[in-house]
Amino acid sequence: MATTQRERAKSDRRSTLLREASRLFAERGFASVTLEDIGAACGVSGPAVYRHFASKQALLGAILVEVSVRLRDGGVGVVDAAPDAASALDDLIRFHVAFALDDADVIRVQDRDLAALAEADRHRVRRLQREYVEAWVGVLRGIHPSRSDADLRVRAHAVFGLINSTPHSVRGLRAAPGEDEVRATLEQLAGAALRA
C-alpha cells in the first residue's frame, strides 16, 4: 500500500522528535528536559509533541523500547545469517559496535534514565535486553562449550560495557581518534575479550 505524503511527514516528524529527545535527554537528563525544549529542537511547539506522544514519559518509552527491539531483532538476524559461531561472534561484535557509535545518546539515556520509564515499558525493555543477551550467549556457547551460561552472560555484559562506554569516553579526549579507528579498536578488543 502506498504511503501518503501526510503519513511520511508524520513518520518523519516522529523520528525527528525521537532523535532530538534522545539528544536532549543525553545532554541534560530526562528530568531536566521539557516537552517545550523537545518541540523547540524540532521546530514545533511543545503541545504539538502531544500529537505523537501522550507524555514525556511515553516519549522516553518509545526511545528505549524501539532501540531494544532493534537490538534484539538485529542480533537475532545476525546470528541466523551466520554460518558458524565464530562468524556469528564477529558479526555480533560489528553490529553492536555500530550501534554504540551510531546511538551513543540512546545508550546514555538508558544508563541514566531507565528508572523514569513507566513500569510496563521498563519490563518490556528488560525482557528485550535479556533476549538480546541470550542471542550472544548462544553464540558464545559455541566458542566456549565448557563454560556455564552464567559465565557467558558475564562475558557478554562485560563487553557491552566496554563497547557502550567508549563513544562517551572518546568524545572527551583532546586528540580523539577518528570513528574508523575507534570502530576497529573496539572490534579487536571485544573479539579478544570474548575469545579469551
Foldseek 3Di string as FASTA:
>chain_A
DDDDPVNVVVVVLLVLLLVQLLVCCLVPNLVVDALQNSQVSSVHGSVVVCVPAVGSLRSLLCNLLVVLVVLLVVLVVLLVPDPALLSSVLSNLLVLLVCLQVRLSSLSRCVGPLVSHDPVSSVSSVVSVVSSLVSQLVSLCRLVVVDDSVVSSVLVVVLSVVSNCVVVVQVPDPPRDDPVVVSVVSSVVSSVSSND
